[in-house]
PDB file of N, CA and C in Angstrom:
ATOM      1  N   MET A   1       7.443   1.115 -28.821  1.00  0.00           N
ATOM      2  CA  MET A   1       7.235   0.159 -27.756  1.00  0.00           C
ATOM      3  C   MET A   1       6.203  -0.897 -28.158  1.00  0.00           C
ATOM      4  N   PRO A   2       6.275  -1.465 -29.316  1.00  0.00           N
ATOM      5  CA  PRO A   2       5.226  -2.360 -29.756  1.00  0.00           C
ATOM      6  C   PRO A   2       5.079  -3.624 -28.922  1.00  0.00           C
ATOM      7  N   ASN A   3       6.159  -4.289 -28.566  1.00  0.00           N
ATOM      8  CA  ASN A   3       6.046  -5.568 -27.869  1.00  0.00           C
ATOM      9  C   ASN A   3       6.517  -5.519 -26.427  1.00  0.00           C
ATOM     10  N   SER A   4       6.824  -4.350 -25.909  1.00  0.00           N
ATOM     11  CA  SER A   4       7.313  -4.281 -24.537  1.00  0.00           C
ATOM     12  C   SER A   4       6.264  -3.631 -23.639  1.00  0.00           C
ATOM     13  N   GLN A   5       6.308  -4.031 -22.395  1.00  0.00           N
ATOM     14  CA  GLN A   5       5.399  -3.435 -21.419  1.00  0.00           C
ATOM     15  C   GLN A   5       6.188  -2.508 -20.516  1.00  0.00           C
ATOM     16  N   ARG A   6       5.505  -1.506 -20.007  1.00  0.00           N
ATOM     17  CA  ARG A   6       6.136  -0.609 -19.050  1.00  0.00           C
ATOM     18  C   ARG A   6       6.361  -1.332 -17.728  1.00  0.00           C
ATOM     19  N   ILE A   7       7.372  -0.863 -17.021  1.00  0.00           N
ATOM     20  CA  ILE A   7       7.639  -1.348 -15.670  1.00  0.00           C
ATOM     21  C   ILE A   7       6.882  -0.432 -14.717  1.00  0.00           C
ATOM     22  N   ILE A   8       6.107  -1.023 -13.824  1.00  0.00           N
ATOM     23  CA  ILE A   8       5.334  -0.255 -12.847  1.00  0.00           C
ATOM     24  C   ILE A   8       6.011  -0.402 -11.488  1.00  0.00           C
ATOM     25  N   LEU A   9       6.400   0.726 -10.888  1.00  0.00           N
ATOM     26  CA  LEU A   9       7.013   0.730  -9.562  1.00  0.00           C
ATOM     27  C   LEU A   9       6.049   1.383  -8.579  1.00  0.00           C
ATOM     28  N   PHE A  10       6.081   0.933  -7.340  1.00  0.00           N
ATOM     29  CA  PHE A  10       5.199   1.442  -6.295  1.00  0.00           C
ATOM     30  C   PHE A  10       6.047   2.066  -5.197  1.00  0.00           C
ATOM     31  N   THR A  11       5.708   3.288  -4.792  1.00  0.00           N
ATOM     32  CA  THR A  11       6.407   3.895  -3.659  1.00  0.00           C
ATOM     33  C   THR A  11       5.891   3.272  -2.367  1.00  0.00           C
ATOM     34  N   SER A  12       6.655   3.419  -1.307  1.00  0.00           N
ATOM     35  CA  SER A  12       6.205   2.907  -0.005  1.00  0.00           C
ATOM     36  C   SER A  12       4.945   3.646   0.435  1.00  0.00           C
ATOM     37  N   ARG A  13       4.837   4.913   0.091  1.00  0.00           N
ATOM     38  CA  ARG A  13       3.629   5.685   0.426  1.00  0.00           C
ATOM     39  C   ARG A  13       2.408   5.106  -0.283  1.00  0.00           C
ATOM     40  N   PHE A  14       2.548   4.772  -1.568  1.00  0.00           N
ATOM     41  CA  PHE A  14       1.435   4.187  -2.316  1.00  0.00           C
ATOM     42  C   PHE A  14       1.004   2.871  -1.666  1.00  0.00           C
ATOM     43  N   ASN A  15       1.965   2.013  -1.360  1.00  0.00           N
ATOM     44  CA  ASN A  15       1.637   0.725  -0.735  1.00  0.00           C
ATOM     45  C   ASN A  15       0.958   0.909   0.619  1.00  0.00           C
ATOM     46  N   ARG A  16       1.447   1.863   1.400  1.00  0.00           N
ATOM     47  CA  ARG A  16       0.841   2.136   2.713  1.00  0.00           C
ATOM     48  C   ARG A  16      -0.588   2.656   2.548  1.00  0.00           C
ATOM     49  N   ASP A  17      -0.776   3.599   1.631  1.00  0.00           N
ATOM     50  CA  ASP A  17      -2.116   4.139   1.376  1.00  0.00           C
ATOM     51  C   ASP A  17      -3.067   3.038   0.904  1.00  0.00           C
ATOM     52  N   LEU A  18      -2.584   2.173   0.025  1.00  0.00           N
ATOM     53  CA  LEU A  18      -3.407   1.086  -0.498  1.00  0.00           C
ATOM     54  C   LEU A  18      -3.829   0.129   0.618  1.00  0.00           C
ATOM     55  N   ARG A  19      -2.896  -0.213   1.489  1.00  0.00           N
ATOM     56  CA  ARG A  19      -3.226  -1.098   2.629  1.00  0.00           C
ATOM     57  C   ARG A  19      -4.289  -0.472   3.527  1.00  0.00           C
ATOM     58  N   GLN A  20      -4.135   0.816   3.809  1.00  0.00           N
ATOM     59  CA  GLN A  20      -5.107   1.507   4.665  1.00  0.00           C
ATOM     60  C   GLN A  20      -6.489   1.545   4.015  1.00  0.00           C
ATOM     61  N   LEU A  21      -6.538   1.877   2.732  1.00  0.00           N
ATOM     62  CA  LEU A  21      -7.818   1.938   2.030  1.00  0.00           C
ATOM     63  C   LEU A  21      -8.456   0.557   1.911  1.00  0.00           C
ATOM     64  N   ALA A  22      -7.633  -0.480   1.762  1.00  0.00           N
ATOM     65  CA  ALA A  22      -8.155  -1.845   1.606  1.00  0.00           C
ATOM     66  C   ALA A  22      -8.874  -2.327   2.866  1.00  0.00           C
ATOM     67  N   LYS A  23      -8.574  -1.728   4.001  1.00  0.00           N
ATOM     68  CA  LYS A  23      -9.279  -2.097   5.240  1.00  0.00           C
ATOM     69  C   LYS A  23     -10.743  -1.678   5.175  1.00  0.00           C
ATOM     70  N   ARG A  24     -11.021  -0.571   4.476  1.00  0.00           N
ATOM     71  CA  ARG A  24     -12.397  -0.076   4.359  1.00  0.00           C
ATOM     72  C   ARG A  24     -13.059  -0.456   3.049  1.00  0.00           C
ATOM     73  N   TYR A  25     -12.266  -0.539   2.001  1.00  0.00           N
ATOM     74  CA  TYR A  25     -12.806  -0.811   0.667  1.00  0.00           C
ATOM     75  C   TYR A  25     -12.212  -2.125   0.157  1.00  0.00           C
ATOM     76  N   ARG A  26     -12.944  -3.199   0.330  1.00  0.00           N
ATOM     77  CA  ARG A  26     -12.424  -4.537   0.058  1.00  0.00           C
ATOM     78  C   ARG A  26     -12.104  -4.776  -1.411  1.00  0.00           C
ATOM     79  N   ARG A  27     -12.775  -4.068  -2.307  1.00  0.00           N
ATOM     80  CA  ARG A  27     -12.568  -4.306  -3.745  1.00  0.00           C
ATOM     81  C   ARG A  27     -11.623  -3.300  -4.402  1.00  0.00           C
ATOM     82  N   ILE A  28     -10.851  -2.587  -3.614  1.00  0.00           N
ATOM     83  CA  ILE A  28      -9.992  -1.539  -4.174  1.00  0.00           C
ATOM     84  C   ILE A  28      -8.991  -2.087  -5.186  1.00  0.00           C
ATOM     85  N   ARG A  29      -8.426  -3.246  -4.900  1.00  0.00           N
ATOM     86  CA  ARG A  29      -7.416  -3.788  -5.822  1.00  0.00           C
ATOM     87  C   ARG A  29      -8.014  -4.086  -7.192  1.00  0.00           C
ATOM     88  N   SER A  30      -9.214  -4.649  -7.217  1.00  0.00           N
ATOM     89  CA  SER A  30      -9.844  -4.913  -8.520  1.00  0.00           C
ATOM     90  C   SER A  30     -10.305  -3.608  -9.179  1.00  0.00           C
ATOM     91  N   ASP A  31     -10.610  -2.585  -8.379  1.00  0.00           N
ATOM     92  CA  ASP A  31     -11.015  -1.288  -8.934  1.00  0.00           C
ATOM     93  C   ASP A  31      -9.856  -0.577  -9.643  1.00  0.00           C
ATOM     94  N   ILE A  32      -8.640  -0.717  -9.108  1.00  0.00           N
ATOM     95  CA  ILE A  32      -7.502   0.000  -9.705  1.00  0.00           C
ATOM     96  C   ILE A  32      -6.739  -0.838 -10.732  1.00  0.00           C
ATOM     97  N   THR A  33      -7.043  -2.128 -10.823  1.00  0.00           N
ATOM     98  CA  THR A  33      -6.348  -2.990 -11.784  1.00  0.00           C
ATOM     99  C   THR A  33      -6.445  -2.481 -13.223  1.00  0.00           C
ATOM    100  N   PRO A  34      -7.610  -2.005 -13.698  1.00  0.00           N
ATOM    101  CA  PRO A  34      -7.659  -1.507 -15.085  1.00  0.00           C
ATOM    102  C   PRO A  34      -6.689  -0.355 -15.358  1.00  0.00           C
ATOM    103  N   ILE A  35      -6.482   0.519 -14.391  1.00  0.00           N
ATOM    104  CA  ILE A  35      -5.548   1.636 -14.589  1.00  0.00           C
ATOM    105  C   ILE A  35      -4.123   1.112 -14.677  1.00  0.00           C
ATOM    106  N   ILE A  36      -3.774   0.178 -13.802  1.00  0.00           N
ATOM    107  CA  ILE A  36      -2.426  -0.395 -13.831  1.00  0.00           C
ATOM    108  C   ILE A  36      -2.196  -1.131 -15.153  1.00  0.00           C
ATOM    109  N   GLU A  37      -3.209  -1.832 -15.638  1.00  0.00           N
ATOM    110  CA  GLU A  37      -3.082  -2.524 -16.926  1.00  0.00           C
ATOM    111  C   GLU A  37      -2.916  -1.532 -18.076  1.00  0.00           C
ATOM    112  N   GLN A  38      -3.627  -0.404 -18.019  1.00  0.00           N
ATOM    113  CA  GLN A  38      -3.462   0.634 -19.043  1.00  0.00           C
ATOM    114  C   GLN A  38      -2.036   1.177 -19.023  1.00  0.00           C
ATOM    115  N   LEU A  39      -1.514   1.418 -17.824  1.00  0.00           N
ATOM    116  CA  LEU A  39      -0.150   1.925 -17.704  1.00  0.00           C
ATOM    117  C   LEU A  39       0.850   0.922 -18.271  1.00  0.00           C
ATOM    118  N   GLN A  40       0.670  -0.352 -17.959  1.00  0.00           N
ATOM    119  CA  GLN A  40       1.569  -1.385 -18.476  1.00  0.00           C
ATOM    120  C   GLN A  40       1.517  -1.454 -19.998  1.00  0.00           C
ATOM    121  N   ALA A  41       0.349  -1.201 -20.562  1.00  0.00           N
ATOM    122  CA  ALA A  41       0.176  -1.271 -22.017  1.00  0.00           C
ATOM    123  C   ALA A  41       0.729  -0.042 -22.739  1.00  0.00           C
ATOM    124  N   GLY A  42       1.217   0.947 -21.988  1.00  0.00           N
ATOM    125  CA  GLY A  42       1.803   2.126 -22.610  1.00  0.00           C
ATOM    126  C   GLY A  42       0.882   3.321 -22.690  1.00  0.00           C
ATOM    127  N   GLU A  43      -0.321   3.204 -22.163  1.00  0.00           N
ATOM    128  CA  GLU A  43      -1.254   4.331 -22.163  1.00  0.00           C
ATOM    129  C   GLU A  43      -0.953   5.252 -20.978  1.00  0.00           C
ATOM    130  N   THR A  44      -1.499   6.464 -21.036  1.00  0.00           N
ATOM    131  CA  THR A  44      -1.353   7.409 -19.925  1.00  0.00           C
ATOM    132  C   THR A  44      -2.737   7.902 -19.523  1.00  0.00           C
ATOM    133  N   PRO A  45      -3.454   7.110 -18.722  1.00  0.00           N
ATOM    134  CA  PRO A  45      -4.796   7.531 -18.311  1.00  0.00           C
ATOM    135  C   PRO A  45      -4.735   8.734 -17.378  1.00  0.00           C
ATOM    136  N   GLY A  46      -5.784   9.527 -17.403  1.00  0.00           N
ATOM    137  CA  GLY A  46      -5.882  10.667 -16.502  1.00  0.00           C
ATOM    138  C   GLY A  46      -5.393  11.952 -17.129  1.00  0.00           C
ATOM    139  N   ASP A  47      -5.287  12.963 -16.280  1.00  0.00           N
ATOM    140  CA  ASP A  47      -4.893  14.304 -16.710  1.00  0.00           C
ATOM    141  C   ASP A  47      -3.511  14.638 -16.180  1.00  0.00           C
ATOM    142  N   GLN A  48      -2.721  15.324 -17.013  1.00  0.00           N
ATOM    143  CA  GLN A  48      -1.400  15.739 -16.559  1.00  0.00           C
ATOM    144  C   GLN A  48      -1.555  16.842 -15.517  1.00  0.00           C
ATOM    145  N   ILE A  49      -0.698  16.788 -14.508  1.00  0.00           N
ATOM    146  CA  ILE A  49      -0.740  17.765 -13.419  1.00  0.00           C
ATOM    147  C   ILE A  49       0.298  18.842 -13.703  1.00  0.00           C
ATOM    148  N   ALA A  50      -0.167  20.062 -13.868  1.00  0.00           N
ATOM    149  CA  ALA A  50       0.731  21.183 -14.146  1.00  0.00           C
ATOM    150  C   ALA A  50       1.337  21.697 -12.845  1.00  0.00           C
ATOM    151  N   GLY A  51       2.512  22.280 -12.941  1.00  0.00           N
ATOM    152  CA  GLY A  51       3.117  22.941 -11.798  1.00  0.00           C
ATOM    153  C   GLY A  51       3.981  22.064 -10.924  1.00  0.00           C
ATOM    154  N   THR A  52       4.267  20.835 -11.349  1.00  0.00           N
ATOM    155  CA  THR A  52       5.106  19.961 -10.523  1.00  0.00           C
ATOM    156  C   THR A  52       6.560  19.982 -10.972  1.00  0.00           C
ATOM    157  N   GLY A  53       6.798  20.353 -12.227  1.00  0.00           N
ATOM    158  CA  GLY A  53       8.145  20.292 -12.768  1.00  0.00           C
ATOM    159  C   GLY A  53       8.500  18.903 -13.269  1.00  0.00           C
ATOM    160  N   TYR A  54       7.559  17.981 -13.196  1.00  0.00           N
ATOM    161  CA  TYR A  54       7.755  16.601 -13.647  1.00  0.00           C
ATOM    162  C   TYR A  54       6.582  16.202 -14.534  1.00  0.00           C
ATOM    163  N   VAL A  55       6.705  15.056 -15.182  1.00  0.00           N
ATOM    164  CA  VAL A  55       5.604  14.520 -15.979  1.00  0.00           C
ATOM    165  C   VAL A  55       4.774  13.643 -15.043  1.00  0.00           C
ATOM    166  N   ALA A  56       3.783  14.261 -14.414  1.00  0.00           N
ATOM    167  CA  ALA A  56       2.942  13.570 -13.428  1.00  0.00           C
ATOM    168  C   ALA A  56       1.487  13.636 -13.873  1.00  0.00           C
ATOM    169  N   PHE A  57       0.742  12.586 -13.547  1.00  0.00           N
ATOM    170  CA  PHE A  57      -0.655  12.481 -13.941  1.00  0.00           C
ATOM    171  C   PHE A  57      -1.520  12.102 -12.750  1.00  0.00           C
ATOM    172  N   LYS A  58      -2.801  12.468 -12.852  1.00  0.00           N
ATOM    173  CA  LYS A  58      -3.796  12.042 -11.867  1.00  0.00           C
ATOM    174  C   LYS A  58      -4.867  11.266 -12.618  1.00  0.00           C
ATOM    175  N   ALA A  59      -5.028   9.994 -12.246  1.00  0.00           N
ATOM    176  CA  ALA A  59      -6.042   9.145 -12.870  1.00  0.00           C
ATOM    177  C   ALA A  59      -7.157   8.892 -11.868  1.00  0.00           C
ATOM    178  N   ARG A  60      -8.367   8.739 -12.386  1.00  0.00           N
ATOM    179  CA  ARG A  60      -9.526   8.470 -11.537  1.00  0.00           C
ATOM    180  C   ARG A  60      -9.983   7.036 -11.741  1.00  0.00           C
ATOM    181  N   ALA A  61     -10.375   6.398 -10.640  1.00  0.00           N
ATOM    182  CA  ALA A  61     -10.921   5.040 -10.701  1.00  0.00           C
ATOM    183  C   ALA A  61     -12.189   5.004  -9.867  1.00  0.00           C
ATOM    184  N   ALA A  62     -13.181   4.286 -10.349  1.00  0.00           N
ATOM    185  CA  ALA A  62     -14.444   4.161  -9.617  1.00  0.00           C
ATOM    186  C   ALA A  62     -14.232   3.325  -8.359  1.00  0.00           C
ATOM    187  N   ASN A  63     -15.004   3.637  -7.321  1.00  0.00           N
ATOM    188  CA  ASN A  63     -14.989   2.870  -6.077  1.00  0.00           C
ATOM    189  C   ASN A  63     -16.242   2.003  -6.071  1.00  0.00           C
ATOM    190  N   SER A  64     -16.093   0.725  -6.372  1.00  0.00           N
ATOM    191  CA  SER A  64     -17.262  -0.156  -6.454  1.00  0.00           C
ATOM    192  C   SER A  64     -17.850  -0.454  -5.077  1.00  0.00           C
ATOM    193  N   ASP A  65     -17.096  -0.208  -4.011  1.00  0.00           N
ATOM    194  CA  ASP A  65     -17.629  -0.393  -2.657  1.00  0.00           C
ATOM    195  C   ASP A  65     -18.553   0.753  -2.266  1.00  0.00           C
ATOM    196  N   ALA A  66     -18.270   1.964  -2.737  1.00  0.00           N
ATOM    197  CA  ALA A  66     -19.050   3.139  -2.350  1.00  0.00           C
ATOM    198  C   ALA A  66     -20.169   3.453  -3.340  1.00  0.00           C
ATOM    199  N   GLN A  67     -20.148   2.859  -4.522  1.00  0.00           N
ATOM    200  CA  GLN A  67     -21.191   3.076  -5.533  1.00  0.00           C
ATOM    201  C   GLN A  67     -21.338   4.557  -5.901  1.00  0.00           C
ATOM    202  N   ARG A  68     -20.218   5.250  -6.075  1.00  0.00           N
ATOM    203  CA  ARG A  68     -20.277   6.671  -6.413  1.00  0.00           C
ATOM    204  C   ARG A  68     -19.690   6.999  -7.772  1.00  0.00           C
ATOM    205  N   GLY A  69     -19.204   6.018  -8.482  1.00  0.00           N
ATOM    206  CA  GLY A  69     -18.591   6.293  -9.774  1.00  0.00           C
ATOM    207  C   GLY A  69     -17.198   6.870  -9.627  1.00  0.00           C
ATOM    208  N   LYS A  70     -16.663   7.373 -10.732  1.00  0.00           N
ATOM    209  CA  LYS A  70     -15.293   7.885 -10.715  1.00  0.00           C
ATOM    210  C   LYS A  70     -15.143   9.165  -9.906  1.00  0.00           C
ATOM    211  N   SER A  71     -16.153  10.028  -9.935  1.00  0.00           N
ATOM    212  CA  SER A  71     -16.004  11.322  -9.258  1.00  0.00           C
ATOM    213  C   SER A  71     -15.867  11.167  -7.748  1.00  0.00           C
ATOM    214  N   GLY A  72     -16.478  10.158  -7.169  1.00  0.00           N
ATOM    215  CA  GLY A  72     -16.347   9.915  -5.735  1.00  0.00           C
ATOM    216  C   GLY A  72     -15.443   8.746  -5.432  1.00  0.00           C
ATOM    217  N   GLY A  73     -14.650   8.341  -6.417  1.00  0.00           N
ATOM    218  CA  GLY A  73     -13.812   7.154  -6.279  1.00  0.00           C
ATOM    219  C   GLY A  73     -12.406   7.465  -5.820  1.00  0.00           C
ATOM    220  N   TYR A  74     -11.465   6.778  -6.427  1.00  0.00           N
ATOM    221  CA  TYR A  74     -10.055   6.889  -6.046  1.00  0.00           C
ATOM    222  C   TYR A  74      -9.310   7.800  -7.004  1.00  0.00           C
ATOM    223  N   ARG A  75      -8.247   8.399  -6.489  1.00  0.00           N
ATOM    224  CA  ARG A  75      -7.315   9.162  -7.307  1.00  0.00           C
ATOM    225  C   ARG A  75      -5.957   8.477  -7.181  1.00  0.00           C
ATOM    226  N   ILE A  76      -5.334   8.261  -8.318  1.00  0.00           N
ATOM    227  CA  ILE A  76      -4.001   7.677  -8.348  1.00  0.00           C
ATOM    228  C   ILE A  76      -3.080   8.708  -8.987  1.00  0.00           C
ATOM    229  N   ILE A  77      -2.054   9.113  -8.254  1.00  0.00           N
ATOM    230  CA  ILE A  77      -1.067  10.053  -8.761  1.00  0.00           C
ATOM    231  C   ILE A  77       0.154   9.236  -9.174  1.00  0.00           C
ATOM    232  N   TYR A  78       0.593   9.439 -10.416  1.00  0.00           N
ATOM    233  CA  TYR A  78       1.764   8.694 -10.878  1.00  0.00           C
ATOM    234  C   TYR A  78       2.675   9.579 -11.709  1.00  0.00           C
ATOM    235  N   GLN A  79       3.929   9.164 -11.793  1.00  0.00           N
ATOM    236  CA  GLN A  79       4.929   9.893 -12.563  1.00  0.00           C
ATOM    237  C   GLN A  79       5.426   8.998 -13.691  1.00  0.00           C
ATOM    238  N   LEU A  80       5.530   9.565 -14.885  1.00  0.00           N
ATOM    239  CA  LEU A  80       6.195   8.880 -15.991  1.00  0.00           C
ATOM    240  C   LEU A  80       7.676   9.217 -15.881  1.00  0.00           C
ATOM    241  N   LYS A  81       8.464   8.270 -15.414  1.00  0.00           N
ATOM    242  CA  LYS A  81       9.900   8.520 -15.284  1.00  0.00           C
ATOM    243  C   LYS A  81      10.549   8.570 -16.664  1.00  0.00           C
ATOM    244  N   ASP A  82      10.134   7.674 -17.543  1.00  0.00           N
ATOM    245  CA  ASP A  82      10.510   7.689 -18.954  1.00  0.00           C
ATOM    246  C   ASP A  82       9.473   6.848 -19.690  1.00  0.00           C
ATOM    247  N   GLN A  83       9.736   6.507 -20.931  1.00  0.00           N
ATOM    248  CA  GLN A  83       8.734   5.764 -21.702  1.00  0.00           C
ATOM    249  C   GLN A  83       8.521   4.345 -21.191  1.00  0.00           C
ATOM    250  N   GLU A  84       9.460   3.817 -20.397  1.00  0.00           N
ATOM    251  CA  GLU A  84       9.346   2.433 -19.937  1.00  0.00           C
ATOM    252  C   GLU A  84       9.051   2.279 -18.459  1.00  0.00           C
ATOM    253  N   VAL A  85       9.147   3.335 -17.669  1.00  0.00           N
ATOM    254  CA  VAL A  85       8.988   3.207 -16.218  1.00  0.00           C
ATOM    255  C   VAL A  85       7.939   4.190 -15.702  1.00  0.00           C
ATOM    256  N   VAL A  86       7.004   3.654 -14.912  1.00  0.00           N
ATOM    257  CA  VAL A  86       5.966   4.459 -14.266  1.00  0.00           C
ATOM    258  C   VAL A  86       6.101   4.264 -12.763  1.00  0.00           C
ATOM    259  N   LEU A  87       6.053   5.358 -12.017  1.00  0.00           N
ATOM    260  CA  LEU A  87       6.140   5.311 -10.563  1.00  0.00           C
ATOM    261  C   LEU A  87       4.796   5.733  -9.975  1.00  0.00           C
ATOM    262  N   LEU A  88       4.126   4.800  -9.298  1.00  0.00           N
ATOM    263  CA  LEU A  88       2.859   5.115  -8.635  1.00  0.00           C
ATOM    264  C   LEU A  88       3.191   5.760  -7.296  1.00  0.00           C
ATOM    265  N   LEU A  89       2.758   7.004  -7.117  1.00  0.00           N
ATOM    266  CA  LEU A  89       3.145   7.798  -5.951  1.00  0.00           C
ATOM    267  C   LEU A  89       2.150   7.709  -4.806  1.00  0.00           C
ATOM    268  N   VAL A  90       0.877   7.972  -5.093  1.00  0.00           N
ATOM    269  CA  VAL A  90      -0.142   8.101  -4.046  1.00  0.00           C
ATOM    270  C   VAL A  90      -1.464   7.566  -4.569  1.00  0.00           C
ATOM    271  N   ILE A  91      -2.246   6.985  -3.670  1.00  0.00           N
ATOM    272  CA  ILE A  91      -3.640   6.672  -3.965  1.00  0.00           C
ATOM    273  C   ILE A  91      -4.463   7.176  -2.791  1.00  0.00           C
ATOM    274  N   TYR A  92      -5.610   7.785  -3.095  1.00  0.00           N
ATOM    275  CA  TYR A  92      -6.498   8.233  -2.024  1.00  0.00           C
ATOM    276  C   TYR A  92      -7.932   8.192  -2.506  1.00  0.00           C
ATOM    277  N   SER A  93      -8.832   8.168  -1.542  1.00  0.00           N
ATOM    278  CA  SER A  93     -10.257   8.196  -1.846  1.00  0.00           C
ATOM    279  C   SER A  93     -10.703   9.646  -1.868  1.00  0.00           C
ATOM    280  N   LYS A  94     -11.386  10.035  -2.921  1.00  0.00           N
ATOM    281  CA  LYS A  94     -11.831  11.423  -3.056  1.00  0.00           C
ATOM    282  C   LYS A  94     -12.793  11.805  -1.936  1.00  0.00           C
ATOM    283  N   SER A  95     -13.524  10.831  -1.397  1.00  0.00           N
ATOM    284  CA  SER A  95     -14.457  11.138  -0.313  1.00  0.00           C
ATOM    285  C   SER A  95     -13.729  11.396   1.010  1.00  0.00           C
ATOM    286  N   ASP A  96     -12.472  10.953   1.118  1.00  0.00           N
ATOM    287  CA  ASP A  96     -11.703  11.123   2.357  1.00  0.00           C
ATOM    288  C   ASP A  96     -10.776  12.327   2.328  1.00  0.00           C
ATOM    289  N   GLN A  97     -10.329  12.722   1.154  1.00  0.00           N
ATOM    290  CA  GLN A  97      -9.264  13.706   1.064  1.00  0.00           C
ATOM    291  C   GLN A  97      -9.486  14.619  -0.132  1.00  0.00           C
ATOM    292  N   GLU A  98      -9.138  15.877   0.040  1.00  0.00           N
ATOM    293  CA  GLU A  98      -9.183  16.821  -1.071  1.00  0.00           C
ATOM    294  C   GLU A  98      -7.975  16.587  -1.975  1.00  0.00           C
ATOM    295  N   ASP A  99      -7.917  17.337  -3.056  1.00  0.00           N
ATOM    296  CA  ASP A  99      -6.807  17.194  -3.997  1.00  0.00           C
ATOM    297  C   ASP A  99      -5.468  17.477  -3.319  1.00  0.00           C
ATOM    298  N   ILE A 100      -4.440  16.821  -3.823  1.00  0.00           N
ATOM    299  CA  ILE A 100      -3.076  17.055  -3.361  1.00  0.00           C
ATOM    300  C   ILE A 100      -2.487  18.159  -4.237  1.00  0.00           C
ATOM    301  N   SER A 101      -1.821  19.126  -3.623  1.00  0.00           N
ATOM    302  CA  SER A 101      -1.285  20.265  -4.376  1.00  0.00           C
ATOM    303  C   SER A 101      -0.099  19.834  -5.246  1.00  0.00           C
ATOM    304  N   PRO A 102       0.139  20.561  -6.337  1.00  0.00           N
ATOM    305  CA  PRO A 102       1.306  20.258  -7.180  1.00  0.00           C
ATOM    306  C   PRO A 102       2.622  20.317  -6.399  1.00  0.00           C
ATOM    307  N   ALA A 103       2.716  21.212  -5.420  1.00  0.00           N
ATOM    308  CA  ALA A 103       3.939  21.299  -4.613  1.00  0.00           C
ATOM    309  C   ALA A 103       4.150  20.023  -3.796  1.00  0.00           C
ATOM    310  N   GLU A 104       3.075  19.478  -3.229  1.00  0.00           N
ATOM    311  CA  GLU A 104       3.185  18.222  -2.476  1.00  0.00           C
ATOM    312  C   GLU A 104       3.587  17.073  -3.391  1.00  0.00           C
ATOM    313  N   ILE A 105       3.039  17.064  -4.605  1.00  0.00           N
ATOM    314  CA  ILE A 105       3.375  16.012  -5.564  1.00  0.00           C
ATOM    315  C   ILE A 105       4.847  16.112  -5.951  1.00  0.00           C
ATOM    316  N   ALA A 106       5.325  17.326  -6.198  1.00  0.00           N
ATOM    317  CA  ALA A 106       6.736  17.521  -6.536  1.00  0.00           C
ATOM    318  C   ALA A 106       7.629  17.044  -5.395  1.00  0.00           C
ATOM    319  N   LEU A 107       7.224  17.307  -4.155  1.00  0.00           N
ATOM    320  CA  LEU A 107       7.991  16.848  -2.996  1.00  0.00           C
ATOM    321  C   LEU A 107       8.034  15.323  -2.935  1.00  0.00           C
ATOM    322  N   LEU A 108       6.906  14.679  -3.186  1.00  0.00           N
ATOM    323  CA  LEU A 108       6.867  13.212  -3.207  1.00  0.00           C
ATOM    324  C   LEU A 108       7.802  12.651  -4.276  1.00  0.00           C
ATOM    325  N   ILE A 109       7.802  13.271  -5.444  1.00  0.00           N
ATOM    326  CA  ILE A 109       8.678  12.809  -6.524  1.00  0.00           C
ATOM    327  C   ILE A 109      10.135  13.003  -6.133  1.00  0.00           C
ATOM    328  N   ASP A 110      10.454  14.161  -5.549  1.00  0.00           N
ATOM    329  CA  ASP A 110      11.829  14.425  -5.114  1.00  0.00           C
ATOM    330  C   ASP A 110      12.299  13.382  -4.102  1.00  0.00           C
ATOM    331  N   GLN A 111      11.408  12.961  -3.218  1.00  0.00           N
ATOM    332  CA  GLN A 111      11.759  11.971  -2.199  1.00  0.00           C
ATOM    333  C   GLN A 111      11.987  10.586  -2.797  1.00  0.00           C
ATOM    334  N   ASN A 112      11.482  10.352  -3.996  1.00  0.00           N
ATOM    335  CA  ASN A 112      11.585   9.026  -4.610  1.00  0.00           C
ATOM    336  C   ASN A 112      12.490   8.999  -5.834  1.00  0.00           C
ATOM    337  N   LEU A 113      13.387   9.969  -5.951  1.00  0.00           N
ATOM    338  CA  LEU A 113      14.308   9.980  -7.103  1.00  0.00           C
ATOM    339  C   LEU A 113      15.349   8.898  -6.973  1.00  0.00           C
TER     340      LEU A 113
END
């Protein structure tokens, strides 16, 4: 994939979550832009999530509005559909929500096949 970029797709859930978070965290879009750029460049930031039955990852992004760094920032769950397509499933603030279970992630992926 030397000269091609990945296609990034957004689920309706991701867009809805992003809109809701943007009401409280005005800089969220600029906070998550580096992760989206990494994905477009062919990188796979974050840790792979075991137990979903799919190639899914959880990436962390700092929340510059909350000044807590990555650990208290955002979590972005995404699926590598293949080498050229990435599906962004969910975004949430770690301070608002606990981790999403692998079963819930698998269900989200199944709903977006």
